[in-house]
C-alpha atoms as a PDB file:
ATOM      1  CA  MET A   1       8.604   2.610 -31.302  1.00  0.00           C
ATOM      2  CA  LYS A   2      10.545   1.987 -27.848  1.00  0.00           C
ATOM      3  CA  LEU A   3       9.066  -0.497 -25.692  1.00  0.00           C
ATOM      4  CA  PHE A   4       9.771  -0.590 -22.059  1.00  0.00           C
ATOM      5  CA  LEU A   5       8.553  -2.933 -19.260  1.00  0.00           C
ATOM      6  CA  SER A   6       7.648  -1.450 -15.759  1.00  0.00           C
ATOM      7  CA  LEU A   7       8.592  -4.062 -13.983  1.00  0.00           C
ATOM      8  CA  ILE A   8      11.790  -6.430 -14.068  1.00  0.00           C
ATOM      9  CA  ILE A   9      12.059  -9.722 -11.657  1.00  0.00           C
ATOM     10  CA  ILE A  10      16.145 -11.441 -11.210  1.00  0.00           C
ATOM     11  CA  ASP A  11      16.023 -14.579  -9.909  1.00  0.00           C
ATOM     12  CA  VAL A  12      19.774 -14.480  -8.377  1.00  0.00           C
ATOM     13  CA  GLU A  13      19.136 -16.736  -5.864  1.00  0.00           C
ATOM     14  CA  GLN A  14      21.341 -19.300  -7.392  1.00  0.00           C
ATOM     15  CA  ILE A  15      24.570 -17.584  -8.437  1.00  0.00           C
ATOM     16  CA  ASP A  16      27.487 -17.733  -5.855  1.00  0.00           C
ATOM     17  CA  PHE A  17      29.744 -15.462  -8.276  1.00  0.00           C
ATOM     18  CA  ILE A  18      29.562 -12.098 -10.626  1.00  0.00           C
ATOM     19  CA  ASP A  19      32.777 -11.284 -12.965  1.00  0.00           C
ATOM     20  CA  SER A  20      33.150  -7.671 -13.834  1.00  0.00           C
ATOM     21  CA  VAL A  21      31.080  -8.634 -17.051  1.00  0.00           C
ATOM     22  CA  GLY A  22      27.689  -9.894 -14.935  1.00  0.00           C
ATOM     23  CA  LEU A  23      28.154  -6.251 -12.621  1.00  0.00           C
ATOM     24  CA  GLY A  24      27.785  -4.097 -15.130  1.00  0.00           C
ATOM     25  CA  VAL A  25      24.764  -5.869 -17.305  1.00  0.00           C
ATOM     26  CA  PHE A  26      23.252  -5.561 -13.396  1.00  0.00           C
ATOM     27  CA  ALA A  27      24.114  -1.779 -13.841  1.00  0.00           C
ATOM     28  CA  GLY A  28      23.609  -0.921 -17.582  1.00  0.00           C
ATOM     29  CA  VAL A  29      19.251  -2.859 -16.092  1.00  0.00           C
ATOM     30  CA  ILE A  30      19.647  -0.823 -12.973  1.00  0.00           C
ATOM     31  CA  SER A  31      20.365   2.434 -15.011  1.00  0.00           C
ATOM     32  CA  SER A  32      18.045   1.810 -17.599  1.00  0.00           C
ATOM     33  CA  THR A  33      15.390   0.476 -14.511  1.00  0.00           C
ATOM     34  CA  ILE A  34      15.837   4.582 -13.105  1.00  0.00           C
ATOM     35  CA  ARG A  35      16.125   6.248 -16.513  1.00  0.00           C
ATOM     36  CA  ASN A  36      12.804   4.680 -17.380  1.00  0.00           C
ATOM     37  CA  ASN A  37      11.222   4.735 -14.012  1.00  0.00           C
ATOM     38  CA  SER A  38      10.297   1.043 -14.126  1.00  0.00           C
ATOM     39  CA  THR A  39      10.595  -1.087 -11.037  1.00  0.00           C
ATOM     40  CA  LEU A  40      13.868  -4.377 -10.745  1.00  0.00           C
ATOM     41  CA  MET A  41      13.261  -6.900  -7.927  1.00  0.00           C
ATOM     42  CA  LEU A  42      15.893  -9.035  -7.043  1.00  0.00           C
ATOM     43  CA  LYS A  43      14.696 -11.950  -5.534  1.00  0.00           C
ATOM     44  CA  GLY A  44      17.251 -14.197  -2.845  1.00  0.00           C
ATOM     45  CA  MET A  45      20.243 -12.724  -2.910  1.00  0.00           C
ATOM     46  CA  THR A  46      22.736 -14.229  -1.314  1.00  0.00           C
ATOM     47  CA  ASN A  47      25.269 -12.110   1.035  1.00  0.00           C
ATOM     48  CA  ARG A  48      27.830 -12.663  -1.550  1.00  0.00           C
ATOM     49  CA  VAL A  49      26.378 -11.469  -3.520  1.00  0.00           C
ATOM     50  CA  ARG A  50      24.799  -8.037  -1.997  1.00  0.00           C
ATOM     51  CA  ARG A  51      28.115  -7.489  -0.611  1.00  0.00           C
ATOM     52  CA  LEU A  52      29.847  -7.707  -3.954  1.00  0.00           C
ATOM     53  CA  PHE A  53      26.624  -4.567  -5.095  1.00  0.00           C
ATOM     54  CA  GLU A  54      28.283  -3.167  -1.972  1.00  0.00           C
ATOM     55  CA  ILE A  55      31.458  -3.628  -2.532  1.00  0.00           C
ATOM     56  CA  THR A  56      31.470  -1.597  -6.349  1.00  0.00           C
ATOM     57  CA  GLY A  57      28.128   0.371  -5.450  1.00  0.00           C
ATOM     58  CA  LEU A  58      25.086  -1.058  -7.252  1.00  0.00           C
ATOM     59  CA  MET A  59      23.311  -1.653  -4.254  1.00  0.00           C
ATOM     60  CA  GLU A  60      23.817   2.095  -3.675  1.00  0.00           C
ATOM     61  CA  MET A  61      22.066   2.826  -7.397  1.00  0.00           C
ATOM     62  CA  MET A  62      19.249   0.044  -6.107  1.00  0.00           C
ATOM     63  CA  ASP A  63      18.600   1.900  -2.750  1.00  0.00           C
ATOM     64  CA  ASN A  64      18.634   5.573  -4.721  1.00  0.00           C
ATOM     65  CA  SER A  65      16.192   4.217  -6.545  1.00  0.00           C
ATOM     66  CA  LYS A  66      12.469   4.398  -4.805  1.00  0.00           C
ATOM     67  CA  ASN A  67      11.528   1.798  -7.169  1.00  0.00           C
ATOM     68  CA  ASN A  68      14.108  -0.665  -7.148  1.00  0.00           C
ATOM     69  CA  LYS A  69      14.613  -3.360  -4.667  1.00  0.00           C
ATOM     70  CA  THR A  70      15.864  -6.266  -3.216  1.00  0.00           C
ATOM     71  CA  ILE A  71      13.004  -8.800  -1.788  1.00  0.00           C
ATOM     72  CA  ASP A  72      13.268 -12.328  -0.402  1.00  0.00           C
ATOM     73  CA  THR A  73      10.239 -14.165  -1.945  1.00  0.00           C
ATOM     74  CA  PHE A  74       7.812 -13.707  -3.802  1.00  0.00           C
ATOM     75  CA  ALA A  75       3.941 -12.340  -2.451  1.00  0.00           C
END
């Protein structure tokens, strides 16, 4: 039996550094949410982390998914 979450919210507000392992984890999570038609929301992304996501192509992966997005605050 497989269990898939339909919504994952990760608060990244306190993250100011991500190494290659962390970026790989985020790439895996983003890919998994796309494959499983789930939604990933990253809350409170700093400009520094956003830039890392842009440089590595993770932001493009997020943007290309109709479900994944970044949010500033929880509604």
